[in-house]
Amino acid sequence: MDSTKKVLNFYGIFVVISWGLMFIIHNEMYTTEKTIQGMTFIFIAAAIFFILVHLYHKSKTGQIIVLWSLGLLFILSCIGMYLVA
């Protein structure tokens, strides 16, 4: 289980770095405001991701919290897609 946690943490770091590079490489496509919004979003999403990974590997209760959180996120995403579309 420890190797899974390492892989997930590596993935989270990779995502944050790749988004940062994307904004640097394609800086002519995005305004400063959009870049700040994008990086703020990815830092908040990454923080939530790292917290959920930590909770999941900490205890059985943490696993339940993560599963309920992911279920709620799924429902909110479905509702959001329905409202936006």
C-alpha atoms as a PDB file:
ATOM      1  CA  MET A   1       0.000   0.000   0.000  1.00  0.00           C
ATOM      2  CA  ASP A   2       2.945   2.325   0.596  1.00  0.00           C
ATOM      3  CA  SER A   3       3.992   2.076  -3.061  1.00  0.00           C
ATOM      4  CA  THR A   4       0.487   3.151  -4.152  1.00  0.00           C
ATOM      5  CA  LYS A   5       0.746   6.248  -1.960  1.00  0.00           C
ATOM      6  CA  LYS A   6       4.129   7.102  -3.497  1.00  0.00           C
ATOM      7  CA  VAL A   7       2.771   6.707  -7.029  1.00  0.00           C
ATOM      8  CA  LEU A   8      -0.265   8.879  -6.276  1.00  0.00           C
ATOM      9  CA  ASN A   9       1.907  11.572  -4.673  1.00  0.00           C
ATOM     10  CA  PHE A  10       4.244  11.492  -7.670  1.00  0.00           C
ATOM     11  CA  TYR A  11       1.228  11.835  -9.968  1.00  0.00           C
ATOM     12  CA  GLY A  12      -0.025  14.872  -8.011  1.00  0.00           C
ATOM     13  CA  ILE A  13       3.369  16.568  -8.234  1.00  0.00           C
ATOM     14  CA  PHE A  14       3.569  15.747 -11.947  1.00  0.00           C
ATOM     15  CA  VAL A  15       0.152  17.317 -12.593  1.00  0.00           C
ATOM     16  CA  VAL A  16       1.033  20.552 -10.769  1.00  0.00           C
ATOM     17  CA  ILE A  17       4.377  20.862 -12.585  1.00  0.00           C
ATOM     18  CA  SER A  18       2.894  20.044 -15.993  1.00  0.00           C
ATOM     19  CA  TRP A  19       0.125  22.648 -15.589  1.00  0.00           C
ATOM     20  CA  GLY A  20       2.725  25.233 -14.585  1.00  0.00           C
ATOM     21  CA  LEU A  21       4.816  24.388 -17.647  1.00  0.00           C
ATOM     22  CA  MET A  22       1.746  24.543 -19.857  1.00  0.00           C
ATOM     23  CA  PHE A  23       0.999  28.073 -18.675  1.00  0.00           C
ATOM     24  CA  ILE A  24       4.645  29.089 -19.193  1.00  0.00           C
ATOM     25  CA  ILE A  25       4.935  27.532 -22.657  1.00  0.00           C
ATOM     26  CA  HIS A  26       1.592  28.882 -23.888  1.00  0.00           C
ATOM     27  CA  ASN A  27       1.743  32.251 -22.126  1.00  0.00           C
ATOM     28  CA  GLU A  28       0.614  34.107 -25.269  1.00  0.00           C
ATOM     29  CA  MET A  29      -2.720  32.236 -25.181  1.00  0.00           C
ATOM     30  CA  TYR A  30      -3.623  33.212 -21.608  1.00  0.00           C
ATOM     31  CA  THR A  31      -3.986  36.542 -19.862  1.00  0.00           C
ATOM     32  CA  THR A  32      -2.310  37.011 -16.508  1.00  0.00           C
ATOM     33  CA  GLU A  33      -5.716  36.773 -14.843  1.00  0.00           C
ATOM     34  CA  LYS A  34      -6.496  33.426 -16.520  1.00  0.00           C
ATOM     35  CA  THR A  35      -3.051  32.089 -15.611  1.00  0.00           C
ATOM     36  CA  ILE A  36      -3.558  33.028 -11.964  1.00  0.00           C
ATOM     37  CA  GLN A  37      -7.035  31.466 -11.972  1.00  0.00           C
ATOM     38  CA  GLY A  38      -5.707  28.274 -13.560  1.00  0.00           C
ATOM     39  CA  MET A  39      -2.795  27.919 -11.163  1.00  0.00           C
ATOM     40  CA  THR A  40      -5.022  28.700  -8.172  1.00  0.00           C
ATOM     41  CA  PHE A  41      -7.422  25.985  -9.304  1.00  0.00           C
ATOM     42  CA  ILE A  42      -4.697  23.373  -9.755  1.00  0.00           C
ATOM     43  CA  PHE A  43      -3.102  24.180  -6.374  1.00  0.00           C
ATOM     44  CA  ILE A  44      -6.461  23.840  -4.613  1.00  0.00           C
ATOM     45  CA  ALA A  45      -7.275  20.638  -6.524  1.00  0.00           C
ATOM     46  CA  ALA A  46      -3.803  19.229  -5.763  1.00  0.00           C
ATOM     47  CA  ALA A  47      -4.141  20.080  -2.062  1.00  0.00           C
ATOM     48  CA  ILE A  48      -7.474  18.246  -1.919  1.00  0.00           C
ATOM     49  CA  PHE A  49      -5.924  15.336  -3.841  1.00  0.00           C
ATOM     50  CA  PHE A  50      -2.958  15.051  -1.436  1.00  0.00           C
ATOM     51  CA  ILE A  51      -5.260  15.257   1.606  1.00  0.00           C
ATOM     52  CA  LEU A  52      -7.496  12.503   0.222  1.00  0.00           C
ATOM     53  CA  VAL A  53      -4.488  10.288  -0.599  1.00  0.00           C
ATOM     54  CA  HIS A  54      -3.163  10.759   2.935  1.00  0.00           C
ATOM     55  CA  LEU A  55      -6.551  10.038   4.532  1.00  0.00           C
ATOM     56  CA  TYR A  56      -7.103   6.967   2.365  1.00  0.00           C
ATOM     57  CA  HIS A  57      -3.814   5.391   3.432  1.00  0.00           C
ATOM     58  CA  LYS A  58      -4.088   6.425   7.086  1.00  0.00           C
ATOM     59  CA  SER A  59      -7.004   4.285   8.307  1.00  0.00           C
ATOM     60  CA  LYS A  60     -10.204   2.466   7.411  1.00  0.00           C
ATOM     61  CA  THR A  61     -12.184   5.543   8.472  1.00  0.00           C
ATOM     62  CA  GLY A  62     -10.059   7.615   6.108  1.00  0.00           C
ATOM     63  CA  GLN A  63     -10.968   5.248   3.275  1.00  0.00           C
ATOM     64  CA  ILE A  64     -14.658   5.734   4.016  1.00  0.00           C
ATOM     65  CA  ILE A  65     -14.241   9.528   4.104  1.00  0.00           C
ATOM     66  CA  VAL A  66     -12.435   9.460   0.757  1.00  0.00           C
ATOM     67  CA  LEU A  67     -15.034   7.226  -0.882  1.00  0.00           C
ATOM     68  CA  TRP A  68     -17.892   9.457   0.307  1.00  0.00           C
ATOM     69  CA  SER A  69     -15.970  12.560  -0.816  1.00  0.00           C
ATOM     70  CA  LEU A  70     -15.409  11.091  -4.274  1.00  0.00           C
ATOM     71  CA  GLY A  71     -19.064  10.071  -4.508  1.00  0.00           C
ATOM     72  CA  LEU A  72     -20.151  13.600  -3.596  1.00  0.00           C
ATOM     73  CA  LEU A  73     -17.706  15.051  -6.114  1.00  0.00           C
ATOM     74  CA  PHE A  74     -19.133  12.753  -8.795  1.00  0.00           C
ATOM     75  CA  ILE A  75     -22.690  13.855  -8.042  1.00  0.00           C
ATOM     76  CA  LEU A  76     -21.711  17.539  -8.048  1.00  0.00           C
ATOM     77  CA  SER A  77     -19.870  17.066 -11.346  1.00  0.00           C
ATOM     78  CA  CYS A  78     -22.910  15.438 -12.944  1.00  0.00           C
ATOM     79  CA  ILE A  79     -25.176  18.234 -11.724  1.00  0.00           C
ATOM     80  CA  GLY A  80     -22.679  20.841 -12.916  1.00  0.00           C
ATOM     81  CA  MET A  81     -22.461  19.270 -16.364  1.00  0.00           C
ATOM     82  CA  TYR A  82     -26.245  19.185 -16.597  1.00  0.00           C
ATOM     83  CA  LEU A  83     -26.572  22.843 -15.603  1.00  0.00           C
ATOM     84  CA  VAL A  84     -23.809  24.072 -17.931  1.00  0.00           C
ATOM     85  CA  ALA A  85     -24.800  22.039 -20.985  1.00  0.00           C
END
